[in-house]
Protein backbone atom coordinates (compact mmCIF):
# COMPACT_ATOMS: atom_id res chain seq x y z
CA UNK A 1 7.11 -1.58 -31.35
CA UNK A 2 7.70 2.12 -30.80
CA UNK A 3 5.87 4.65 -28.75
CA UNK A 4 3.93 5.80 -31.84
CA UNK A 5 2.54 2.27 -32.26
CA UNK A 6 0.97 2.00 -28.83
CA UNK A 7 -2.81 2.22 -29.19
CA UNK A 8 -4.68 4.32 -26.60
CA UNK A 9 -1.53 6.03 -25.28
CA UNK A 10 -1.74 9.41 -23.52
CA UNK A 11 1.08 11.06 -21.67
CA UNK A 12 0.33 13.74 -19.13
CA UNK A 13 0.94 14.92 -15.59
CA UNK A 14 -1.03 13.23 -12.87
CA UNK A 15 -3.00 15.55 -10.67
CA UNK A 16 -3.48 15.31 -6.85
CA UNK A 17 -6.91 13.54 -7.21
CA UNK A 18 -5.20 10.75 -9.20
CA UNK A 19 -3.07 9.23 -6.43
CA UNK A 20 -5.13 6.02 -6.80
CA UNK A 21 -3.99 5.65 -10.45
CA UNK A 22 -0.37 6.12 -9.45
CA UNK A 23 -0.77 3.64 -6.58
CA UNK A 24 -2.42 1.03 -8.84
CA UNK A 25 0.44 1.34 -11.34
CA UNK A 26 3.08 0.82 -8.64
CA UNK A 27 1.14 -2.14 -7.21
CA UNK A 28 1.02 -3.75 -10.64
CA UNK A 29 4.84 -3.72 -10.90
CA UNK A 30 6.20 -7.22 -10.70
CA UNK A 31 8.60 -8.15 -7.89
CA UNK A 32 11.77 -7.44 -9.86
CA UNK A 33 10.48 -4.15 -11.33
CA UNK A 34 9.55 -2.98 -7.82
CA UNK A 35 13.02 -3.84 -6.53
CA UNK A 36 14.69 -1.99 -9.39
CA UNK A 37 12.44 1.06 -8.93
CA UNK A 38 12.89 1.38 -5.11
CA UNK A 39 16.43 -0.22 -4.91
CA UNK A 40 15.08 -2.93 -2.55
CA UNK A 41 12.03 -5.13 -2.09
CA UNK A 42 8.94 -3.23 -0.95
CA UNK A 43 5.58 -4.36 0.42
CA UNK A 44 2.18 -3.25 -0.86
CA UNK A 45 1.73 -1.17 2.29
CA UNK A 46 4.90 0.80 1.47
CA UNK A 47 3.58 1.53 -2.02
CA UNK A 48 0.18 2.59 -0.74
CA UNK A 49 1.83 5.05 1.67
CA UNK A 50 4.28 6.24 -0.98
CA UNK A 51 1.58 6.88 -3.56
CA UNK A 52 -0.71 8.60 -1.03
CA UNK A 53 2.01 11.19 -0.51
CA UNK A 54 2.47 11.79 -4.27
CA UNK A 55 1.44 15.46 -4.18
CA UNK A 56 2.54 16.06 -0.54
CA UNK A 57 6.17 15.79 -1.53
CA UNK A 58 5.81 18.72 -3.96
CA UNK A 59 6.98 16.71 -6.91
CA UNK A 60 5.67 16.14 -10.38
CA UNK A 61 4.47 12.78 -11.69
CA UNK A 62 3.99 12.26 -15.40
CA UNK A 63 2.10 9.17 -16.40
CA UNK A 64 1.91 7.08 -19.55
CA UNK A 65 -1.74 6.11 -19.64
CA UNK A 66 -2.78 3.29 -21.95
CA UNK A 67 -6.51 3.04 -22.37
CA UNK A 68 -6.92 5.13 -19.19
CA UNK A 69 -4.60 3.11 -16.96
CA UNK A 70 -1.21 4.39 -15.81
CA UNK A 71 1.28 1.83 -17.11
CA UNK A 72 4.47 3.88 -16.66
CA UNK A 73 5.33 6.89 -14.52
CA UNK A 74 8.17 9.36 -14.04
CA UNK A 75 8.66 11.43 -10.96
CA UNK A 76 10.51 14.70 -10.46
CA UNK A 77 11.25 15.38 -6.80
CA UNK A 78 12.72 18.54 -5.43
CA UNK A 79 15.59 18.14 -3.00
CA UNK A 80 14.65 20.43 -0.15
CA UNK A 81 11.61 22.53 0.58
CA UNK A 82 11.53 24.43 -2.71
CA UNK A 83 12.67 24.04 -6.29
CA UNK A 84 16.33 24.81 -6.19
CA UNK A 85 19.51 23.84 -7.95
CA UNK A 86 19.05 20.13 -7.68
CA UNK A 87 16.25 17.55 -8.13
CA UNK A 88 15.85 13.82 -8.49
CA UNK A 89 14.09 11.75 -11.11
CA UNK A 90 12.66 8.23 -10.86
CA UNK A 91 10.83 5.98 -13.30
CA UNK A 92 8.72 2.85 -13.37
CA UNK A 93 7.37 0.91 -16.30
CA UNK A 94 5.20 -2.21 -16.04
CA UNK A 95 6.93 -5.31 -17.39
CA UNK A 96 4.62 -5.78 -20.42
CA UNK A 97 5.16 -2.15 -21.52
CA UNK A 98 8.96 -2.08 -21.26
CA UNK A 99 11.20 -1.64 -24.30
CA UNK A 100 8.67 0.46 -26.19
CA UNK A 101 10.19 3.91 -25.59
CA UNK A 102 7.91 4.96 -22.71
CA UNK A 103 10.81 5.47 -20.20
CA UNK A 104 12.77 7.59 -22.64
CA UNK A 105 9.73 9.78 -23.51
CA UNK A 106 8.91 10.23 -19.86
CA UNK A 107 12.56 11.16 -19.17
CA UNK A 108 12.43 13.89 -21.77
CA UNK A 109 9.35 15.34 -20.16
CA UNK A 110 10.90 15.20 -16.69
CA UNK A 111 14.04 16.93 -17.96
CA UNK A 112 11.95 19.70 -19.48
CA UNK A 113 9.97 20.10 -16.21
CA UNK A 114 13.25 20.36 -14.29
CA UNK A 115 14.55 22.84 -16.79
CA UNK A 116 11.44 25.03 -16.47
CA UNK A 117 11.84 25.07 -12.69
CA UNK A 118 15.42 26.30 -12.85
CA UNK A 119 16.97 22.99 -11.81
CA UNK A 120 20.67 22.96 -12.65
CA UNK A 121 21.44 19.33 -11.79
CA UNK A 122 19.04 16.42 -12.16
CA UNK A 123 19.99 13.17 -10.39
CA UNK A 124 18.88 9.64 -11.13
CA UNK A 125 20.05 6.67 -9.19
CA UNK A 126 19.55 3.00 -9.94
CA UNK A 127 21.00 -0.34 -9.09
CA UNK A 128 24.07 -1.23 -11.09
CA UNK A 129 22.11 -4.08 -12.78
CA UNK A 130 19.40 -1.74 -14.10
CA UNK A 131 20.68 -1.51 -17.66
CA UNK A 132 17.38 -0.16 -19.04
CA UNK A 133 17.54 2.88 -16.76
CA UNK A 134 21.22 3.43 -17.64
CA UNK A 135 20.45 3.27 -21.36
CA UNK A 136 17.68 5.88 -20.96
CA UNK A 137 20.08 8.11 -18.95
CA UNK A 138 22.76 7.78 -21.68
CA UNK A 139 20.25 8.61 -24.38
CA UNK A 140 19.59 11.90 -22.56
CA UNK A 141 23.34 12.63 -22.21
CA UNK A 142 23.60 11.85 -18.49
CA UNK A 143 27.01 11.47 -16.94
CA UNK A 144 27.07 8.10 -15.09
CA UNK A 145 29.21 7.14 -12.16
CA UNK A 146 29.27 3.97 -10.05
CA UNK A 147 28.98 4.17 -6.23
CA UNK A 148 28.60 1.21 -3.88
CA UNK A 149 26.50 -1.01 -6.15
CA UNK A 150 24.46 1.86 -7.60
CA UNK A 151 24.77 4.03 -10.68
CA UNK A 152 24.26 7.75 -10.25
CA UNK A 153 23.19 9.69 -13.36
CA UNK A 154 23.56 13.43 -13.55
CA UNK A 155 21.88 15.58 -16.21
CA UNK A 156 22.42 19.29 -16.58
CA UNK A 157 19.23 20.70 -18.08
CA UNK A 158 19.35 23.66 -20.40
CA UNK A 159 18.16 27.05 -19.26
CA UNK A 160 14.39 27.48 -19.66
CA UNK A 161 13.22 29.44 -22.68
CA UNK A 162 9.94 30.62 -24.12
CA UNK A 163 9.44 27.42 -26.14
CA UNK A 164 10.08 25.02 -23.23
CA UNK A 165 7.76 27.02 -20.96
CA UNK A 166 4.98 27.21 -23.57
CA UNK A 167 5.25 23.52 -24.48
CA UNK A 168 4.83 22.46 -20.85
CA UNK A 169 2.02 24.93 -20.28
CA UNK A 170 0.06 23.71 -23.33
CA UNK A 171 0.54 20.04 -22.35
CA UNK A 172 -0.58 20.87 -18.79
CA UNK A 173 -3.73 22.59 -20.03
CA UNK A 174 -4.66 19.72 -22.31
CA UNK A 175 -3.68 17.14 -19.70
CA UNK A 176 -5.73 18.81 -17.02
CA UNK A 177 -8.80 18.89 -19.28
CA UNK A 178 -8.29 15.21 -20.08
CA UNK A 179 -8.01 14.43 -16.35
CA UNK A 180 -11.25 16.33 -15.60
CA UNK A 181 -13.10 14.53 -18.41
CA UNK A 182 -11.71 11.20 -17.25
CA UNK A 183 -12.73 11.90 -13.63
CA UNK A 184 -16.23 12.81 -14.79
CA UNK A 185 -16.58 9.55 -16.69
CA UNK A 186 -15.23 7.53 -13.74
CA UNK A 187 -17.75 9.19 -11.42
CA UNK A 188 -20.61 8.42 -13.85
CA UNK A 189 -19.50 4.77 -14.08
CA UNK A 190 -19.33 4.53 -10.24
CA UNK A 191 -22.84 5.96 -9.78
């Protein structure tokens, strides 16, 4: 199955009012997927705190929503107080949705977001056993190096141009409208 064959799939940025969706996704990760995502075992309380700070850290989270539920997410985190020369990317995909191209598609969107913010070097790190993450990094031409049981991927995004900026702006506008409509329907259901 490829990404085009996934019914009900929407990919868009998650907005600050959607921390609960991000949290629920991370909580649904099985034990091994959690360990691979955070490089060690983490408790539910850690995930709840981490997700609650989703927008506080000044990063960007892009979600793969399937029938309205976040089933995969990619994060772009600035290193420092402002967007500068370097940033970090991280990904998580729920077990039943792995090997369908979601991670690779999310990676492309994160690279474009980094590019549009003037990031010159995008880092990814994963455990040496995380072959899926390494395959995604290679697909996007990352240079990989091994350090103390981890693999560090480095991607040099292209310089932003009109097309990359417009593509992200259009996706953001559509994604925001979808988030507003979804929030409205969730509020109606809750009432």
